[in-house]
Amino acid sequence: MKTMELTPTTVANYSNMSMTTRVSNFKKSAKKFLKATWRFLMVISPAYPQYVESERRKMVA
C-alpha cells in the first residue's frame, strides 16, 4: 500500500486539484473495480454450481 506524507504543501495541492480531475479519477477507479469484479465473477461462475451441488450431497448423506 502506498503511503503519503501529509504536509501543508500536499494539502494545498489537493485543494487546488479541480473537481473534474477528482471526478475523472473516481470514474477510472470505479471502472477498474467493476472490471476486476466482473473478471472474478466470470472465473468463479463455472465452479459455483458444482460447489452448491456437492454441498447438497453432503447435507443429504
PDB file of N, CA and C in Angstrom:
ATOM      1  N   MET A   1       0.840  -1.180   0.000  1.00  0.00           N
ATOM      2  CA  MET A   1       0.000   0.000   0.000  1.00  0.00           C
ATOM      3  C   MET A   1       0.881   1.237   0.000  1.00  0.00           C
ATOM      4  N   LYS A   2       0.496   2.198  -0.784  1.00  0.00           N
ATOM      5  CA  LYS A   2       1.270   3.409  -0.919  1.00  0.00           C
ATOM      6  C   LYS A   2       0.889   4.385   0.196  1.00  0.00           C
ATOM      7  N   THR A   3       1.884   4.908   0.884  1.00  0.00           N
ATOM      8  CA  THR A   3       1.600   5.889   1.928  1.00  0.00           C
ATOM      9  C   THR A   3       1.987   7.265   1.434  1.00  0.00           C
ATOM     10  N   MET A   4       1.325   8.263   1.982  1.00  0.00           N
ATOM     11  CA  MET A   4       1.585   9.628   1.556  1.00  0.00           C
ATOM     12  C   MET A   4       1.815  10.490   2.793  1.00  0.00           C
ATOM     13  N   GLU A   5       2.834  11.285   2.743  1.00  0.00           N
ATOM     14  CA  GLU A   5       3.130  12.165   3.860  1.00  0.00           C
ATOM     15  C   GLU A   5       2.213  13.383   3.779  1.00  0.00           C
ATOM     16  N   LEU A   6       1.559  13.691   4.873  1.00  0.00           N
ATOM     17  CA  LEU A   6       0.628  14.815   4.905  1.00  0.00           C
ATOM     18  C   LEU A   6       1.362  16.072   5.354  1.00  0.00           C
ATOM     19  N   THR A   7       1.561  16.973   4.417  1.00  0.00           N
ATOM     20  CA  THR A   7       2.222  18.245   4.712  1.00  0.00           C
ATOM     21  C   THR A   7       1.317  19.363   4.215  1.00  0.00           C
ATOM     22  N   PRO A   8       1.569  20.585   4.647  1.00  0.00           N
ATOM     23  CA  PRO A   8       0.757  21.704   4.136  1.00  0.00           C
ATOM     24  C   PRO A   8       0.789  21.828   2.616  1.00  0.00           C
ATOM     25  N   THR A   9       1.927  21.511   2.032  1.00  0.00           N
ATOM     26  CA  THR A   9       2.040  21.571   0.568  1.00  0.00           C
ATOM     27  C   THR A   9       1.141  20.534  -0.086  1.00  0.00           C
ATOM     28  N   THR A  10       1.124  19.352   0.479  1.00  0.00           N
ATOM     29  CA  THR A  10       0.271  18.288  -0.054  1.00  0.00           C
ATOM     30  C   THR A  10      -1.193  18.687   0.017  1.00  0.00           C
ATOM     31  N   VAL A  11      -1.589  19.253   1.140  1.00  0.00           N
ATOM     32  CA  VAL A  11      -2.975  19.691   1.311  1.00  0.00           C
ATOM     33  C   VAL A  11      -3.310  20.787   0.316  1.00  0.00           C
ATOM     34  N   ALA A  12      -2.407  21.729   0.120  1.00  0.00           N
ATOM     35  CA  ALA A  12      -2.639  22.820  -0.826  1.00  0.00           C
ATOM     36  C   ALA A  12      -2.770  22.281  -2.244  1.00  0.00           C
ATOM     37  N   ASN A  13      -1.929  21.337  -2.613  1.00  0.00           N
ATOM     38  CA  ASN A  13      -2.011  20.750  -3.952  1.00  0.00           C
ATOM     39  C   ASN A  13      -3.324  20.015  -4.141  1.00  0.00           C
ATOM     40  N   TYR A  14      -3.769  19.300  -3.125  1.00  0.00           N
ATOM     41  CA  TYR A  14      -5.037  18.581  -3.222  1.00  0.00           C
ATOM     42  C   TYR A  14      -6.203  19.554  -3.331  1.00  0.00           C
ATOM     43  N   SER A  15      -6.139  20.633  -2.545  1.00  0.00           N
ATOM     44  CA  SER A  15      -7.208  21.630  -2.577  1.00  0.00           C
ATOM     45  C   SER A  15      -7.296  22.302  -3.937  1.00  0.00           C
ATOM     46  N   ASN A  16      -6.163  22.471  -4.584  1.00  0.00           N
ATOM     47  CA  ASN A  16      -6.148  23.132  -5.886  1.00  0.00           C
ATOM     48  C   ASN A  16      -6.545  22.206  -7.030  1.00  0.00           C
ATOM     49  N   MET A  17      -6.568  20.915  -6.775  1.00  0.00           N
ATOM     50  CA  MET A  17      -6.943  19.971  -7.824  1.00  0.00           C
ATOM     51  C   MET A  17      -8.404  20.230  -8.206  1.00  0.00           C
ATOM     52  N   SER A  18      -8.665  20.343  -9.483  1.00  0.00           N
ATOM     53  CA  SER A  18     -10.020  20.660  -9.916  1.00  0.00           C
ATOM     54  C   SER A  18     -10.982  19.511  -9.651  1.00  0.00           C
ATOM     55  N   MET A  19     -12.241  19.853  -9.522  1.00  0.00           N
ATOM     56  CA  MET A  19     -13.265  18.844  -9.254  1.00  0.00           C
ATOM     57  C   MET A  19     -13.373  17.860 -10.409  1.00  0.00           C
ATOM     58  N   THR A  20     -13.188  18.331 -11.633  1.00  0.00           N
ATOM     59  CA  THR A  20     -13.278  17.431 -12.783  1.00  0.00           C
ATOM     60  C   THR A  20     -12.181  16.376 -12.725  1.00  0.00           C
ATOM     61  N   THR A  21     -11.002  16.762 -12.238  1.00  0.00           N
ATOM     62  CA  THR A  21      -9.912  15.795 -12.111  1.00  0.00           C
ATOM     63  C   THR A  21     -10.277  14.748 -11.081  1.00  0.00           C
ATOM     64  N   ARG A  22     -10.862  15.170  -9.955  1.00  0.00           N
ATOM     65  CA  ARG A  22     -11.259  14.223  -8.919  1.00  0.00           C
ATOM     66  C   ARG A  22     -12.335  13.275  -9.427  1.00  0.00           C
ATOM     67  N   VAL A  23     -13.317  13.830 -10.150  1.00  0.00           N
ATOM     68  CA  VAL A  23     -14.388  13.003 -10.704  1.00  0.00           C
ATOM     69  C   VAL A  23     -13.808  12.022 -11.718  1.00  0.00           C
ATOM     70  N   SER A  24     -12.890  12.499 -12.532  1.00  0.00           N
ATOM     71  CA  SER A  24     -12.255  11.646 -13.528  1.00  0.00           C
ATOM     72  C   SER A  24     -11.492  10.503 -12.852  1.00  0.00           C
ATOM     73  N   ASN A  25     -10.747  10.835 -11.807  1.00  0.00           N
ATOM     74  CA  ASN A  25     -10.011   9.799 -11.076  1.00  0.00           C
ATOM     75  C   ASN A  25     -10.969   8.799 -10.453  1.00  0.00           C
ATOM     76  N   PHE A  26     -12.076   9.274  -9.911  1.00  0.00           N
ATOM     77  CA  PHE A  26     -13.065   8.381  -9.308  1.00  0.00           C
ATOM     78  C   PHE A  26     -13.662   7.459 -10.360  1.00  0.00           C
ATOM     79  N   LYS A  27     -13.983   8.013 -11.518  1.00  0.00           N
ATOM     80  CA  LYS A  27     -14.555   7.198 -12.591  1.00  0.00           C
ATOM     81  C   LYS A  27     -13.582   6.106 -13.026  1.00  0.00           C
ATOM     82  N   LYS A  28     -12.293   6.467 -13.147  1.00  0.00           N
ATOM     83  CA  LYS A  28     -11.292   5.479 -13.533  1.00  0.00           C
ATOM     84  C   LYS A  28     -11.190   4.380 -12.489  1.00  0.00           C
ATOM     85  N   SER A  29     -11.178   4.767 -11.225  1.00  0.00           N
ATOM     86  CA  SER A  29     -11.091   3.774 -10.145  1.00  0.00           C
ATOM     87  C   SER A  29     -12.317   2.875 -10.124  1.00  0.00           C
ATOM     88  N   ALA A  30     -13.481   3.467 -10.293  1.00  0.00           N
ATOM     89  CA  ALA A  30     -14.720   2.682 -10.293  1.00  0.00           C
ATOM     90  C   ALA A  30     -14.733   1.715 -11.469  1.00  0.00           C
ATOM     91  N   LYS A  31     -14.266   2.161 -12.617  1.00  0.00           N
ATOM     92  CA  LYS A  31     -14.228   1.305 -13.801  1.00  0.00           C
ATOM     93  C   LYS A  31     -13.284   0.122 -13.574  1.00  0.00           C
ATOM     94  N   LYS A  32     -12.113   0.393 -12.991  1.00  0.00           N
ATOM     95  CA  LYS A  32     -11.173  -0.694 -12.698  1.00  0.00           C
ATOM     96  C   LYS A  32     -11.787  -1.687 -11.720  1.00  0.00           C
ATOM     97  N   PHE A  33     -12.456  -1.170 -10.696  1.00  0.00           N
ATOM     98  CA  PHE A  33     -13.074  -2.033  -9.695  1.00  0.00           C
ATOM     99  C   PHE A  33     -14.143  -2.920 -10.328  1.00  0.00           C
ATOM    100  N   LEU A  34     -14.987  -2.332 -11.174  1.00  0.00           N
ATOM    101  CA  LEU A  34     -16.048  -3.107 -11.811  1.00  0.00           C
ATOM    102  C   LEU A  34     -15.486  -4.164 -12.759  1.00  0.00           C
ATOM    103  N   LYS A  35     -14.431  -3.809 -13.484  1.00  0.00           N
ATOM    104  CA  LYS A  35     -13.815  -4.783 -14.380  1.00  0.00           C
ATOM    105  C   LYS A  35     -13.222  -5.948 -13.597  1.00  0.00           C
ATOM    106  N   ALA A  36     -12.561  -5.631 -12.481  1.00  0.00           N
ATOM    107  CA  ALA A  36     -11.971  -6.687 -11.654  1.00  0.00           C
ATOM    108  C   ALA A  36     -13.059  -7.569 -11.051  1.00  0.00           C
ATOM    109  N   THR A  37     -14.148  -6.952 -10.608  1.00  0.00           N
ATOM    110  CA  THR A  37     -15.260  -7.715 -10.042  1.00  0.00           C
ATOM    111  C   THR A  37     -15.864  -8.624 -11.095  1.00  0.00           C
ATOM    112  N   TRP A  38     -16.058  -8.110 -12.282  1.00  0.00           N
ATOM    113  CA  TRP A  38     -16.628  -8.903 -13.381  1.00  0.00           C
ATOM    114  C   TRP A  38     -15.724 -10.088 -13.718  1.00  0.00           C
ATOM    115  N   ARG A  39     -14.401  -9.835 -13.787  1.00  0.00           N
ATOM    116  CA  ARG A  39     -13.462 -10.924 -14.075  1.00  0.00           C
ATOM    117  C   ARG A  39     -13.535 -11.994 -12.987  1.00  0.00           C
ATOM    118  N   PHE A  40     -13.609 -11.555 -11.732  1.00  0.00           N
ATOM    119  CA  PHE A  40     -13.707 -12.501 -10.616  1.00  0.00           C
ATOM    120  C   PHE A  40     -14.958 -13.355 -10.742  1.00  0.00           C
ATOM    121  N   LEU A  41     -16.086 -12.723 -11.040  1.00  0.00           N
ATOM    122  CA  LEU A  41     -17.336 -13.474 -11.176  1.00  0.00           C
ATOM    123  C   LEU A  41     -17.288 -14.444 -12.350  1.00  0.00           C
ATOM    124  N   MET A  42     -16.628 -14.053 -13.428  1.00  0.00           N
ATOM    125  CA  MET A  42     -16.510 -14.939 -14.577  1.00  0.00           C
ATOM    126  C   MET A  42     -15.643 -16.149 -14.246  1.00  0.00           C
ATOM    127  N   VAL A  43     -14.650 -15.960 -13.391  1.00  0.00           N
ATOM    128  CA  VAL A  43     -13.765 -17.061 -13.032  1.00  0.00           C
ATOM    129  C   VAL A  43     -14.481 -18.049 -12.119  1.00  0.00           C
ATOM    130  N   ILE A  44     -15.246 -17.554 -11.142  1.00  0.00           N
ATOM    131  CA  ILE A  44     -15.868 -18.468 -10.185  1.00  0.00           C
ATOM    132  C   ILE A  44     -17.201 -19.029 -10.667  1.00  0.00           C
ATOM    133  N   SER A  45     -17.831 -18.406 -11.650  1.00  0.00           N
ATOM    134  CA  SER A  45     -19.165 -18.845 -12.063  1.00  0.00           C
ATOM    135  C   SER A  45     -19.218 -20.297 -12.553  1.00  0.00           C
ATOM    136  N   PRO A  46     -18.234 -20.817 -13.282  1.00  0.00           N
ATOM    137  CA  PRO A  46     -18.331 -22.224 -13.687  1.00  0.00           C
ATOM    138  C   PRO A  46     -18.235 -23.191 -12.502  1.00  0.00           C
ATOM    139  N   ALA A  47     -17.510 -22.812 -11.471  1.00  0.00           N
ATOM    140  CA  ALA A  47     -17.311 -23.703 -10.338  1.00  0.00           C
ATOM    141  C   ALA A  47     -18.448 -23.626  -9.328  1.00  0.00           C
ATOM    142  N   TYR A  48     -19.171 -22.538  -9.306  1.00  0.00           N
ATOM    143  CA  TYR A  48     -20.177 -22.346  -8.262  1.00  0.00           C
ATOM    144  C   TYR A  48     -21.284 -23.405  -8.285  1.00  0.00           C
ATOM    145  N   PRO A  49     -21.896 -23.725  -9.426  1.00  0.00           N
ATOM    146  CA  PRO A  49     -22.942 -24.765  -9.420  1.00  0.00           C
ATOM    147  C   PRO A  49     -22.421 -26.115  -8.918  1.00  0.00           C
ATOM    148  N   GLN A  50     -21.188 -26.449  -9.261  1.00  0.00           N
ATOM    149  CA  GLN A  50     -20.603 -27.704  -8.783  1.00  0.00           C
ATOM    150  C   GLN A  50     -20.435 -27.670  -7.275  1.00  0.00           C
ATOM    151  N   TYR A  51     -20.028 -26.531  -6.744  1.00  0.00           N
ATOM    152  CA  TYR A  51     -19.870 -26.389  -5.298  1.00  0.00           C
ATOM    153  C   TYR A  51     -21.211 -26.549  -4.583  1.00  0.00           C
ATOM    154  N   VAL A  52     -22.242 -25.901  -5.108  1.00  0.00           N
ATOM    155  CA  VAL A  52     -23.567 -25.986  -4.496  1.00  0.00           C
ATOM    156  C   VAL A  52     -24.058 -27.429  -4.512  1.00  0.00           C
ATOM    157  N   GLU A  53     -23.855 -28.109  -5.629  1.00  0.00           N
ATOM    158  CA  GLU A  53     -24.299 -29.499  -5.743  1.00  0.00           C
ATOM    159  C   GLU A  53     -23.557 -30.395  -4.756  1.00  0.00           C
ATOM    160  N   SER A  54     -22.258 -30.180  -4.617  1.00  0.00           N
ATOM    161  CA  SER A  54     -21.503 -31.005  -3.669  1.00  0.00           C
ATOM    162  C   SER A  54     -21.946 -30.740  -2.232  1.00  0.00           C
ATOM    163  N   GLU A  55     -22.303 -29.502  -1.912  1.00  0.00           N
ATOM    164  CA  GLU A  55     -22.799 -29.188  -0.575  1.00  0.00           C
ATOM    165  C   GLU A  55     -24.154 -29.844  -0.328  1.00  0.00           C
ATOM    166  N   ARG A  56     -24.991 -29.900  -1.341  1.00  0.00           N
ATOM    167  CA  ARG A  56     -26.297 -30.567  -1.214  1.00  0.00           C
ATOM    168  C   ARG A  56     -26.108 -32.048  -0.927  1.00  0.00           C
ATOM    169  N   ARG A  57     -25.156 -32.653  -1.642  1.00  0.00           N
ATOM    170  CA  ARG A  57     -24.890 -34.082  -1.434  1.00  0.00           C
ATOM    171  C   ARG A  57     -24.401 -34.343  -0.024  1.00  0.00           C
ATOM    172  N   LYS A  58     -23.587 -33.450   0.523  1.00  0.00           N
ATOM    173  CA  LYS A  58     -23.081 -33.599   1.888  1.00  0.00           C
ATOM    174  C   LYS A  58     -24.232 -33.529   2.897  1.00  0.00           C
ATOM    175  N   MET A  59     -25.188 -32.630   2.642  1.00  0.00           N
ATOM    176  CA  MET A  59     -26.301 -32.460   3.551  1.00  0.00           C
ATOM    177  C   MET A  59     -27.215 -33.692   3.546  1.00  0.00           C
ATOM    178  N   VAL A  60     -27.424 -34.273   2.379  1.00  0.00           N
ATOM    179  CA  VAL A  60     -28.310 -35.428   2.252  1.00  0.00           C
ATOM    180  C   VAL A  60     -27.666 -36.667   2.865  1.00  0.00           C
ATOM    181  N   ALA A  61     -26.386 -36.817   2.642  1.00  0.00           N
ATOM    182  CA  ALA A  61     -25.685 -38.028   3.116  1.00  0.00           C
ATOM    183  C   ALA A  61     -25.474 -38.056   4.610  1.00  0.00           C
TER     184      ALA A  61
END
